[in-house]
Each structure stands twice: as structure tokens, then as C-alpha cells.
Amino acid sequence: QVQLVESGGGLVQAGGSLRLSCAASQRTFRNYAMGWFRQAPQKEREFVAAVTRSGGTTYYADSVKGRFSISRDNAKNTVYLQMNSLKPEDTAIYYCAADTFYTGTESWRYDYWGQGTQVTVSS
């Protein structure tokens, strides 16, 4: 079982940037595909980005393509989400998720979740 801890959230003005980090507890981190999801108030959790175990392939929601970038450092057991050109509609709690086999957009298929980190973008 892997434990995930997100950090890096905060308050930023529209157009600004933030980098989220998600640290995993296990040294077998490289065996997990990783995803980022977000949930805004009164909305369902939605897919943001995902990366395969090797880091060789990434996936993005259309709403963040060209602005967000997911990456991972298997030596540090950490996955990152670089968020640029932030918009007020990016305001949400951001969660990282891990799964041994699945890399994709369906949240229910990820087995492990962090506690989330709040991102607030002011206009």
C-alpha cells in the first residue's frame, strides 16, 4: 500500500503559477502510474493529468492542455503538477492518485489517494 501526501497549494492571482508535489511513501513508487484530479465546490471530481510509471507518456484534460505539465521523479518518489497561466476556474482541491496498472482519466480506477491540497485562483 502506498501513502500519498500533496503539497504546494495556495492562493495565487489569475495568470500566476503554482507547482504541486505529491510524495509517495514507498520506494516502489516507480511501479505506480500517477494521476492528478481536482474537485471544485459542488462539482464532481475531474481528471486533470496522468503519467505512466516510466514517465514516458502523459495525458491531460482539454481544459489544462498547454498550461499544466505533469512530471515525476522516481528517485524522489514524487510526482509534480506545474500549473501556469492559472484561471479562477482552476480553483479546486487537487488530489494525486496512484494505481499499479491504470493510467487514465477514470478516478474510480485509482486505488490510492492523497488528502488533497487547496488551490485558489483570484481574479
N, C-alpha and C. Protein backbone atom coordinates (compact mmCIF):
# COMPACT_ATOMS: atom_id res chain seq x y z
N GLN A 1 0.84 -1.19 0.00
CA GLN A 1 0.00 0.00 0.00
C GLN A 1 0.87 1.24 0.00
N VAL A 2 0.46 2.27 -0.72
CA VAL A 2 1.25 3.48 -0.81
C VAL A 2 0.46 4.64 -0.22
N GLN A 3 1.13 5.49 0.52
CA GLN A 3 0.53 6.71 1.06
C GLN A 3 1.03 7.90 0.27
N LEU A 4 0.11 8.84 0.01
CA LEU A 4 0.40 9.99 -0.84
C LEU A 4 0.14 11.27 -0.06
N VAL A 5 1.06 12.22 -0.16
CA VAL A 5 0.90 13.50 0.52
C VAL A 5 1.16 14.62 -0.47
N GLU A 6 0.12 15.42 -0.71
CA GLU A 6 0.24 16.56 -1.61
C GLU A 6 0.71 17.80 -0.87
N SER A 7 1.35 18.68 -1.60
CA SER A 7 1.76 19.97 -1.06
C SER A 7 1.90 20.96 -2.22
N GLY A 8 2.02 22.24 -1.86
CA GLY A 8 2.26 23.25 -2.87
C GLY A 8 1.06 24.09 -3.24
N GLY A 9 -0.10 23.77 -2.69
CA GLY A 9 -1.27 24.58 -2.98
C GLY A 9 -1.18 25.95 -2.33
N GLY A 10 -2.12 26.81 -2.68
CA GLY A 10 -2.15 28.13 -2.09
C GLY A 10 -3.04 29.08 -2.87
N LEU A 11 -2.88 30.35 -2.56
CA LEU A 11 -3.65 31.41 -3.21
C LEU A 11 -2.76 32.12 -4.22
N VAL A 12 -3.25 32.27 -5.44
CA VAL A 12 -2.47 32.92 -6.50
C VAL A 12 -3.40 33.75 -7.36
N GLN A 13 -2.88 34.79 -7.93
CA GLN A 13 -3.68 35.63 -8.83
C GLN A 13 -3.80 34.96 -10.20
N ALA A 14 -4.85 35.29 -10.90
CA ALA A 14 -5.03 34.80 -12.26
C ALA A 14 -3.81 35.14 -13.11
N GLY A 15 -3.37 34.16 -13.90
CA GLY A 15 -2.18 34.33 -14.70
C GLY A 15 -0.91 33.84 -14.03
N GLY A 16 -1.00 33.57 -12.75
CA GLY A 16 0.15 33.11 -11.99
C GLY A 16 0.41 31.62 -12.14
N SER A 17 1.37 31.14 -11.37
CA SER A 17 1.79 29.74 -11.45
C SER A 17 1.92 29.13 -10.05
N LEU A 18 1.73 27.84 -10.01
CA LEU A 18 1.98 27.05 -8.81
C LEU A 18 2.54 25.71 -9.25
N ARG A 19 3.32 25.10 -8.38
CA ARG A 19 3.76 23.73 -8.62
C ARG A 19 3.33 22.87 -7.45
N LEU A 20 2.50 21.88 -7.75
CA LEU A 20 2.08 20.93 -6.74
C LEU A 20 3.03 19.74 -6.72
N SER A 21 3.22 19.20 -5.54
CA SER A 21 4.03 18.00 -5.38
C SER A 21 3.19 16.94 -4.68
N CYS A 22 3.49 15.70 -4.98
CA CYS A 22 2.84 14.57 -4.32
C CYS A 22 3.93 13.57 -3.99
N ALA A 23 4.19 13.41 -2.71
CA ALA A 23 5.24 12.50 -2.26
C ALA A 23 4.63 11.16 -1.87
N ALA A 24 5.24 10.10 -2.33
CA ALA A 24 4.75 8.75 -2.04
C ALA A 24 5.63 8.10 -0.99
N SER A 25 5.01 7.23 -0.21
CA SER A 25 5.71 6.62 0.92
C SER A 25 6.60 5.46 0.52
N GLN A 26 6.33 4.88 -0.62
CA GLN A 26 7.03 3.65 -0.95
C GLN A 26 8.18 3.84 -1.92
N ARG A 27 9.22 3.04 -1.71
CA ARG A 27 10.34 3.08 -2.64
C ARG A 27 9.99 2.39 -3.96
N THR A 28 8.83 1.69 -3.98
CA THR A 28 8.38 1.07 -5.22
C THR A 28 7.51 2.03 -6.02
N PHE A 29 7.67 3.31 -5.77
CA PHE A 29 6.90 4.36 -6.44
C PHE A 29 6.90 4.18 -7.94
N ARG A 30 8.02 3.71 -8.48
CA ARG A 30 8.15 3.56 -9.92
C ARG A 30 7.17 2.53 -10.48
N ASN A 31 6.58 1.73 -9.60
CA ASN A 31 5.61 0.71 -10.04
C ASN A 31 4.20 1.23 -10.15
N TYR A 32 4.01 2.54 -9.86
CA TYR A 32 2.67 3.12 -9.87
C TYR A 32 2.53 4.18 -10.95
N ALA A 33 1.46 4.06 -11.71
CA ALA A 33 1.05 5.17 -12.55
C ALA A 33 0.41 6.23 -11.66
N MET A 34 0.54 7.49 -12.02
CA MET A 34 0.09 8.58 -11.16
C MET A 34 -0.85 9.51 -11.91
N GLY A 35 -1.80 10.03 -11.17
CA GLY A 35 -2.74 10.98 -11.75
C GLY A 35 -3.00 12.14 -10.82
N TRP A 36 -3.44 13.25 -11.41
CA TRP A 36 -3.92 14.39 -10.65
C TRP A 36 -5.38 14.62 -11.01
N PHE A 37 -6.17 14.84 -9.97
CA PHE A 37 -7.58 15.16 -10.15
C PHE A 37 -7.89 16.40 -9.33
N ARG A 38 -9.03 17.00 -9.59
CA ARG A 38 -9.43 18.16 -8.79
C ARG A 38 -10.94 18.15 -8.58
N GLN A 39 -11.33 18.81 -7.51
CA GLN A 39 -12.75 18.91 -7.20
C GLN A 39 -13.05 20.31 -6.70
N ALA A 40 -13.90 20.99 -7.43
CA ALA A 40 -14.35 22.33 -7.04
C ALA A 40 -15.62 22.18 -6.20
N PRO A 41 -15.95 23.21 -5.42
CA PRO A 41 -17.17 23.13 -4.59
C PRO A 41 -18.40 22.81 -5.43
N GLN A 42 -19.16 21.85 -4.95
CA GLN A 42 -20.42 21.45 -5.58
C GLN A 42 -20.24 20.90 -6.99
N LYS A 43 -19.05 20.43 -7.27
CA LYS A 43 -18.80 19.80 -8.56
C LYS A 43 -18.19 18.42 -8.34
N GLU A 44 -18.29 17.59 -9.36
CA GLU A 44 -17.69 16.27 -9.25
C GLU A 44 -16.18 16.34 -9.45
N ARG A 45 -15.53 15.34 -8.92
CA ARG A 45 -14.09 15.25 -9.11
C ARG A 45 -13.80 15.04 -10.60
N GLU A 46 -12.80 15.75 -11.10
CA GLU A 46 -12.48 15.63 -12.52
C GLU A 46 -11.01 15.37 -12.73
N PHE A 47 -10.74 14.71 -13.83
CA PHE A 47 -9.38 14.39 -14.22
C PHE A 47 -8.64 15.64 -14.66
N VAL A 48 -7.36 15.71 -14.28
CA VAL A 48 -6.50 16.82 -14.70
C VAL A 48 -5.36 16.32 -15.57
N ALA A 49 -4.59 15.36 -15.03
CA ALA A 49 -3.41 14.88 -15.77
C ALA A 49 -3.01 13.52 -15.21
N ALA A 50 -2.28 12.76 -16.02
CA ALA A 50 -1.77 11.47 -15.58
C ALA A 50 -0.44 11.19 -16.28
N VAL A 51 0.35 10.33 -15.65
CA VAL A 51 1.65 9.97 -16.19
C VAL A 51 1.88 8.49 -15.95
N THR A 52 2.46 7.83 -16.93
CA THR A 52 2.75 6.41 -16.80
C THR A 52 3.88 6.16 -15.81
N ARG A 53 4.11 4.89 -15.50
CA ARG A 53 5.10 4.53 -14.49
C ARG A 53 6.49 5.02 -14.83
N SER A 54 6.83 4.95 -16.09
CA SER A 54 8.17 5.38 -16.52
C SER A 54 8.27 6.89 -16.70
N GLY A 55 7.11 7.54 -16.79
CA GLY A 55 7.11 8.96 -17.09
C GLY A 55 7.14 9.26 -18.57
N GLY A 56 7.12 8.22 -19.38
CA GLY A 56 7.27 8.42 -20.80
C GLY A 56 6.04 8.92 -21.53
N THR A 57 4.87 8.72 -20.93
CA THR A 57 3.62 9.15 -21.57
C THR A 57 2.79 9.93 -20.56
N THR A 58 2.23 11.02 -21.04
CA THR A 58 1.39 11.85 -20.20
C THR A 58 0.04 12.09 -20.87
N TYR A 59 -0.95 12.39 -20.03
CA TYR A 59 -2.30 12.65 -20.50
C TYR A 59 -2.82 13.90 -19.80
N TYR A 60 -3.63 14.67 -20.52
CA TYR A 60 -4.16 15.91 -19.95
C TYR A 60 -5.62 16.09 -20.30
N ALA A 61 -6.32 16.71 -19.38
CA ALA A 61 -7.67 17.18 -19.70
C ALA A 61 -7.56 18.33 -20.69
N ASP A 62 -8.54 18.45 -21.55
CA ASP A 62 -8.51 19.53 -22.54
C ASP A 62 -8.43 20.90 -21.89
N SER A 63 -9.05 21.03 -20.73
CA SER A 63 -9.11 22.33 -20.06
C SER A 63 -7.76 22.81 -19.56
N VAL A 64 -6.79 21.92 -19.44
CA VAL A 64 -5.48 22.32 -18.90
C VAL A 64 -4.34 22.13 -19.90
N LYS A 65 -4.62 21.58 -21.06
CA LYS A 65 -3.58 21.36 -22.06
C LYS A 65 -2.90 22.67 -22.42
N GLY A 66 -1.58 22.63 -22.45
CA GLY A 66 -0.82 23.81 -22.79
C GLY A 66 -0.53 24.72 -21.61
N ARG A 67 -1.20 24.45 -20.48
CA ARG A 67 -0.97 25.27 -19.29
C ARG A 67 -0.37 24.47 -18.14
N PHE A 68 -0.77 23.22 -18.02
CA PHE A 68 -0.29 22.36 -16.93
C PHE A 68 0.66 21.31 -17.49
N SER A 69 1.57 20.88 -16.62
CA SER A 69 2.52 19.85 -17.02
C SER A 69 2.74 18.89 -15.86
N ILE A 70 2.57 17.60 -16.12
CA ILE A 70 2.79 16.58 -15.10
C ILE A 70 4.15 15.95 -15.34
N SER A 71 4.86 15.67 -14.26
CA SER A 71 6.15 15.00 -14.37
C SER A 71 6.38 14.20 -13.10
N ARG A 72 7.36 13.33 -13.14
CA ARG A 72 7.67 12.53 -11.96
C ARG A 72 9.17 12.34 -11.83
N ASP A 73 9.58 12.18 -10.59
CA ASP A 73 10.97 11.89 -10.29
C ASP A 73 10.96 10.61 -9.46
N ASN A 74 11.22 9.49 -10.10
CA ASN A 74 11.14 8.21 -9.40
C ASN A 74 12.22 8.07 -8.33
N ALA A 75 13.30 8.79 -8.47
CA ALA A 75 14.35 8.73 -7.45
C ALA A 75 13.91 9.43 -6.16
N LYS A 76 12.98 10.38 -6.30
CA LYS A 76 12.49 11.13 -5.14
C LYS A 76 11.09 10.69 -4.72
N ASN A 77 10.55 9.67 -5.39
CA ASN A 77 9.20 9.18 -5.08
C ASN A 77 8.17 10.30 -5.13
N THR A 78 8.28 11.16 -6.13
CA THR A 78 7.43 12.35 -6.17
C THR A 78 6.91 12.59 -7.59
N VAL A 79 5.65 13.00 -7.65
CA VAL A 79 5.06 13.45 -8.90
C VAL A 79 4.69 14.92 -8.75
N TYR A 80 4.83 15.66 -9.84
CA TYR A 80 4.62 17.10 -9.81
C TYR A 80 3.52 17.50 -10.80
N LEU A 81 2.90 18.62 -10.49
CA LEU A 81 1.97 19.24 -11.43
C LEU A 81 2.32 20.72 -11.50
N GLN A 82 2.96 21.10 -12.58
CA GLN A 82 3.28 22.50 -12.81
C GLN A 82 2.09 23.17 -13.47
N MET A 83 1.59 24.21 -12.83
CA MET A 83 0.39 24.88 -13.32
C MET A 83 0.72 26.33 -13.65
N ASN A 84 0.60 26.67 -14.91
CA ASN A 84 0.88 28.03 -15.39
C ASN A 84 -0.40 28.65 -15.93
N SER A 85 -0.35 29.97 -16.08
CA SER A 85 -1.50 30.72 -16.63
C SER A 85 -2.79 30.32 -15.93
N LEU A 86 -2.75 30.32 -14.63
CA LEU A 86 -3.89 29.87 -13.85
C LEU A 86 -5.10 30.79 -14.03
N LYS A 87 -6.27 30.17 -13.98
CA LYS A 87 -7.53 30.89 -14.15
C LYS A 87 -8.39 30.67 -12.91
N PRO A 88 -9.32 31.57 -12.65
CA PRO A 88 -10.21 31.36 -11.49
C PRO A 88 -10.92 30.01 -11.53
N GLU A 89 -11.26 29.53 -12.71
CA GLU A 89 -11.94 28.24 -12.81
C GLU A 89 -11.04 27.05 -12.47
N ASP A 90 -9.76 27.28 -12.25
CA ASP A 90 -8.86 26.22 -11.78
C ASP A 90 -8.95 26.05 -10.27
N THR A 91 -9.68 26.91 -9.61
CA THR A 91 -9.83 26.82 -8.16
C THR A 91 -10.49 25.51 -7.77
N ALA A 92 -9.83 24.75 -6.90
CA ALA A 92 -10.33 23.43 -6.50
C ALA A 92 -9.38 22.84 -5.47
N ILE A 93 -9.81 21.73 -4.91
CA ILE A 93 -8.89 20.89 -4.15
C ILE A 93 -8.27 19.92 -5.15
N TYR A 94 -6.95 19.83 -5.13
CA TYR A 94 -6.23 18.97 -6.07
C TYR A 94 -5.74 17.72 -5.33
N TYR A 95 -6.02 16.58 -5.94
CA TYR A 95 -5.66 15.30 -5.36
C TYR A 95 -4.71 14.54 -6.29
N CYS A 96 -3.74 13.88 -5.71
CA CYS A 96 -2.98 12.94 -6.52
C CYS A 96 -3.48 11.52 -6.22
N ALA A 97 -3.29 10.66 -7.19
CA ALA A 97 -3.77 9.29 -7.10
C ALA A 97 -2.77 8.35 -7.73
N ALA A 98 -2.78 7.11 -7.28
CA ALA A 98 -1.83 6.12 -7.77
C ALA A 98 -2.54 4.81 -8.06
N ASP A 99 -2.03 4.13 -9.06
CA ASP A 99 -2.54 2.80 -9.35
C ASP A 99 -1.44 1.97 -9.99
N THR A 100 -1.47 0.68 -9.69
CA THR A 100 -0.41 -0.20 -10.19
C THR A 100 -0.50 -0.39 -11.70
N PHE A 101 -1.73 -0.43 -12.20
CA PHE A 101 -1.89 -0.82 -13.60
C PHE A 101 -2.49 0.26 -14.48
N TYR A 102 -3.31 1.13 -13.89
CA TYR A 102 -4.12 2.01 -14.72
C TYR A 102 -3.53 3.40 -14.82
N THR A 103 -3.47 3.91 -16.05
CA THR A 103 -3.11 5.31 -16.28
C THR A 103 -4.21 5.91 -17.14
N GLY A 104 -5.00 6.78 -16.56
CA GLY A 104 -6.08 7.33 -17.37
C GLY A 104 -6.92 8.32 -16.63
N THR A 105 -8.10 8.55 -17.18
CA THR A 105 -8.96 9.63 -16.72
C THR A 105 -10.02 9.23 -15.71
N GLU A 106 -10.21 7.94 -15.49
CA GLU A 106 -11.30 7.46 -14.64
C GLU A 106 -10.85 7.40 -13.18
N SER A 107 -11.39 8.26 -12.33
CA SER A 107 -10.93 8.34 -10.96
C SER A 107 -11.19 7.05 -10.18
N TRP A 108 -12.29 6.37 -10.49
CA TRP A 108 -12.65 5.18 -9.73
C TRP A 108 -11.66 4.05 -9.93
N ARG A 109 -10.83 4.13 -10.91
CA ARG A 109 -9.88 3.06 -11.18
C ARG A 109 -8.55 3.23 -10.44
N TYR A 110 -8.39 4.35 -9.76
CA TYR A 110 -7.17 4.55 -8.98
C TYR A 110 -7.40 4.03 -7.56
N ASP A 111 -6.43 3.28 -7.06
CA ASP A 111 -6.60 2.65 -5.75
C ASP A 111 -6.18 3.53 -4.58
N TYR A 112 -5.25 4.43 -4.79
CA TYR A 112 -4.68 5.18 -3.67
C TYR A 112 -4.80 6.68 -3.92
N TRP A 113 -5.14 7.40 -2.84
CA TRP A 113 -5.39 8.84 -2.94
C TRP A 113 -4.72 9.60 -1.81
N GLY A 114 -4.29 10.81 -2.12
CA GLY A 114 -3.83 11.71 -1.09
C GLY A 114 -4.98 12.47 -0.47
N GLN A 115 -4.65 13.34 0.48
CA GLN A 115 -5.69 14.08 1.21
C GLN A 115 -6.11 15.36 0.50
N GLY A 116 -5.34 15.77 -0.48
CA GLY A 116 -5.68 16.95 -1.27
C GLY A 116 -4.99 18.21 -0.79
N THR A 117 -4.84 19.14 -1.71
CA THR A 117 -4.28 20.46 -1.40
C THR A 117 -5.10 21.51 -2.13
N GLN A 118 -5.42 22.58 -1.41
CA GLN A 118 -6.31 23.61 -1.95
C GLN A 118 -5.55 24.56 -2.86
N VAL A 119 -6.11 24.81 -4.03
CA VAL A 119 -5.60 25.83 -4.94
C VAL A 119 -6.72 26.84 -5.16
N THR A 120 -6.40 28.10 -4.89
CA THR A 120 -7.38 29.17 -5.08
C THR A 120 -6.78 30.22 -6.00
N VAL A 121 -7.48 30.52 -7.09
CA VAL A 121 -7.02 31.50 -8.07
C VAL A 121 -7.96 32.68 -8.04
N SER A 122 -7.42 33.83 -7.69
CA SER A 122 -8.25 35.04 -7.60
C SER A 122 -8.23 35.79 -8.93
N SER A 123 -9.33 36.46 -9.21
CA SER A 123 -9.43 37.19 -10.48
C SER A 123 -8.96 38.62 -10.34
